[in-house]
Amino acid sequence: MTRLLGIAHFAFHEGRFAEFARLARRCQDIVATQDTGTLRYEVFVDRDESRAVVQRLREADIDLADVIDGVLSRLTQVADSDGNLVTIVESR
């Protein structure tokens, strides 16, 4: 089985933290209720609520990735990614 660890860094657009938080919660809800392949999904926000790191560890053969990725893509409307999307692949 293959596992993927995706890490994305975001800087929020001015005044858009609440929208980012709403979308991040939506992603977490999808993972919790529909995506049995995700082993860990975490969002870390800095103290001044200007930046965040999103990490997702999942099995590679789950189809709900597109659903989650669709919500994540909307995050770019409220935050800028610094381009440091990291994906680590581990084959078992």
C-alpha atoms as a PDB file:
ATOM      1  CA  MET A   1       0.000   0.000   0.000  1.00  0.00           C
ATOM      2  CA  THR A   2       1.226   3.505  -0.787  1.00  0.00           C
ATOM      3  CA  ARG A   3       0.888   6.410   1.627  1.00  0.00           C
ATOM      4  CA  LEU A   4       1.044  10.060   0.653  1.00  0.00           C
ATOM      5  CA  LEU A   5       1.879  12.946   2.968  1.00  0.00           C
ATOM      6  CA  GLY A   6       0.883  16.308   1.528  1.00  0.00           C
ATOM      7  CA  ILE A   7       1.977  19.538   3.205  1.00  0.00           C
ATOM      8  CA  ALA A   8       0.769  22.956   2.056  1.00  0.00           C
ATOM      9  CA  HIS A   9       1.576  26.403   3.457  1.00  0.00           C
ATOM     10  CA  PHE A  10      -0.952  29.246   3.197  1.00  0.00           C
ATOM     11  CA  ALA A  11      -0.875  32.985   3.944  1.00  0.00           C
ATOM     12  CA  PHE A  12      -4.369  34.391   4.424  1.00  0.00           C
ATOM     13  CA  HIS A  13      -5.691  37.277   2.359  1.00  0.00           C
ATOM     14  CA  GLU A  14      -6.476  40.346   4.464  1.00  0.00           C
ATOM     15  CA  GLY A  15      -9.642  39.769   6.493  1.00  0.00           C
ATOM     16  CA  ARG A  16     -10.225  36.235   5.125  1.00  0.00           C
ATOM     17  CA  PHE A  17      -9.126  34.084   8.057  1.00  0.00           C
ATOM     18  CA  ALA A  18     -12.714  33.226   9.041  1.00  0.00           C
ATOM     19  CA  GLU A  19     -13.432  31.951   5.522  1.00  0.00           C
ATOM     20  CA  PHE A  20     -10.217  29.905   5.530  1.00  0.00           C
ATOM     21  CA  ALA A  21     -11.190  28.407   8.889  1.00  0.00           C
ATOM     22  CA  ARG A  22     -14.656  27.524   7.538  1.00  0.00           C
ATOM     23  CA  LEU A  23     -13.186  25.798   4.479  1.00  0.00           C
ATOM     24  CA  ALA A  24     -10.589  23.981   6.578  1.00  0.00           C
ATOM     25  CA  ARG A  25     -13.364  22.678   8.858  1.00  0.00           C
ATOM     26  CA  ARG A  26     -15.280  21.546   5.750  1.00  0.00           C
ATOM     27  CA  CYS A  27     -12.239  19.547   4.620  1.00  0.00           C
ATOM     28  CA  GLN A  28     -11.932  18.005   8.070  1.00  0.00           C
ATOM     29  CA  ASP A  29     -15.644  17.072   8.024  1.00  0.00           C
ATOM     30  CA  ILE A  30     -15.251  15.354   4.637  1.00  0.00           C
ATOM     31  CA  VAL A  31     -12.244  13.440   5.897  1.00  0.00           C
ATOM     32  CA  ALA A  32     -13.986  12.410   9.109  1.00  0.00           C
ATOM     33  CA  THR A  33     -17.236  11.272   7.485  1.00  0.00           C
ATOM     34  CA  GLN A  34     -16.325  10.072   3.990  1.00  0.00           C
ATOM     35  CA  ASP A  35     -12.629   9.455   3.482  1.00  0.00           C
ATOM     36  CA  THR A  36     -11.604   6.252   5.223  1.00  0.00           C
ATOM     37  CA  GLY A  37      -8.225   6.378   3.436  1.00  0.00           C
ATOM     38  CA  THR A  38      -7.049   9.499   5.227  1.00  0.00           C
ATOM     39  CA  LEU A  39      -5.043   8.492   8.243  1.00  0.00           C
ATOM     40  CA  ARG A  40      -4.354  12.010   9.541  1.00  0.00           C
ATOM     41  CA  TYR A  41      -5.551  15.485   8.532  1.00  0.00           C
ATOM     42  CA  GLU A  42      -4.268  18.479  10.469  1.00  0.00           C
ATOM     43  CA  VAL A  43      -4.407  22.249  10.141  1.00  0.00           C
ATOM     44  CA  PHE A  44      -1.938  24.373  12.073  1.00  0.00           C
ATOM     45  CA  VAL A  45      -2.486  28.150  12.324  1.00  0.00           C
ATOM     46  CA  ASP A  46       0.092  30.607  13.652  1.00  0.00           C
ATOM     47  CA  ARG A  47      -0.688  32.788  16.674  1.00  0.00           C
ATOM     48  CA  ASP A  48      -1.555  35.931  14.729  1.00  0.00           C
ATOM     49  CA  GLU A  49      -3.853  33.974  12.375  1.00  0.00           C
ATOM     50  CA  SER A  50      -1.989  35.083   9.242  1.00  0.00           C
ATOM     51  CA  ARG A  51      -0.570  31.748   8.049  1.00  0.00           C
ATOM     52  CA  ALA A  52      -1.395  28.043   8.177  1.00  0.00           C
ATOM     53  CA  VAL A  53       0.071  24.664   7.354  1.00  0.00           C
ATOM     54  CA  VAL A  54      -2.210  21.853   6.181  1.00  0.00           C
ATOM     55  CA  GLN A  55      -0.965  18.263   6.428  1.00  0.00           C
ATOM     56  CA  ARG A  56      -2.727  15.167   5.148  1.00  0.00           C
ATOM     57  CA  LEU A  57      -1.517  11.576   5.402  1.00  0.00           C
ATOM     58  CA  ARG A  58      -3.556   9.102   3.363  1.00  0.00           C
ATOM     59  CA  GLU A  59      -3.598   5.791   1.594  1.00  0.00           C
ATOM     60  CA  ALA A  60      -3.151   6.390  -2.134  1.00  0.00           C
ATOM     61  CA  ASP A  61      -5.989   4.307  -3.527  1.00  0.00           C
ATOM     62  CA  ILE A  62      -8.969   6.318  -2.183  1.00  0.00           C
ATOM     63  CA  ASP A  63     -11.154   8.243  -4.689  1.00  0.00           C
ATOM     64  CA  LEU A  64     -12.338  10.996  -2.328  1.00  0.00           C
ATOM     65  CA  ALA A  65      -9.071  12.838  -2.878  1.00  0.00           C
ATOM     66  CA  ASP A  66     -10.762  14.772  -5.687  1.00  0.00           C
ATOM     67  CA  VAL A  67     -13.570  15.931  -3.376  1.00  0.00           C
ATOM     68  CA  ILE A  68     -11.142  17.123  -0.728  1.00  0.00           C
ATOM     69  CA  ASP A  69      -8.821  18.657  -3.299  1.00  0.00           C
ATOM     70  CA  GLY A  70     -11.796  20.581  -4.726  1.00  0.00           C
ATOM     71  CA  VAL A  71     -12.429  22.198  -1.344  1.00  0.00           C
ATOM     72  CA  LEU A  72      -8.717  22.802  -0.858  1.00  0.00           C
ATOM     73  CA  SER A  73      -8.549  24.544  -4.226  1.00  0.00           C
ATOM     74  CA  ARG A  74     -11.162  27.030  -2.986  1.00  0.00           C
ATOM     75  CA  LEU A  75      -8.777  27.921  -0.178  1.00  0.00           C
ATOM     76  CA  THR A  76      -6.702  29.759  -2.778  1.00  0.00           C
ATOM     77  CA  GLN A  77      -9.561  32.256  -2.993  1.00  0.00           C
ATOM     78  CA  VAL A  78      -8.958  33.265   0.622  1.00  0.00           C
ATOM     79  CA  ALA A  79      -5.251  32.488   1.032  1.00  0.00           C
ATOM     80  CA  ASP A  80      -2.058  32.368  -0.992  1.00  0.00           C
ATOM     81  CA  SER A  81       0.048  29.249  -1.056  1.00  0.00           C
ATOM     82  CA  ASP A  82       3.766  29.910  -0.882  1.00  0.00           C
ATOM     83  CA  GLY A  83       4.328  27.266  -3.536  1.00  0.00           C
ATOM     84  CA  ASN A  84       5.838  24.833  -1.061  1.00  0.00           C
ATOM     85  CA  LEU A  85       3.445  21.960  -1.593  1.00  0.00           C
ATOM     86  CA  VAL A  86       5.317  18.892  -0.480  1.00  0.00           C
ATOM     87  CA  THR A  87       4.181  15.355  -1.201  1.00  0.00           C
ATOM     88  CA  ILE A  88       6.080  12.473   0.335  1.00  0.00           C
ATOM     89  CA  VAL A  89       5.364   8.989  -1.024  1.00  0.00           C
ATOM     90  CA  GLU A  90       5.967   5.868   1.050  1.00  0.00           C
ATOM     91  CA  SER A  91       5.371   2.431  -0.473  1.00  0.00           C
ATOM     92  CA  ARG A  92       4.675  -0.452   1.876  1.00  0.00           C
END
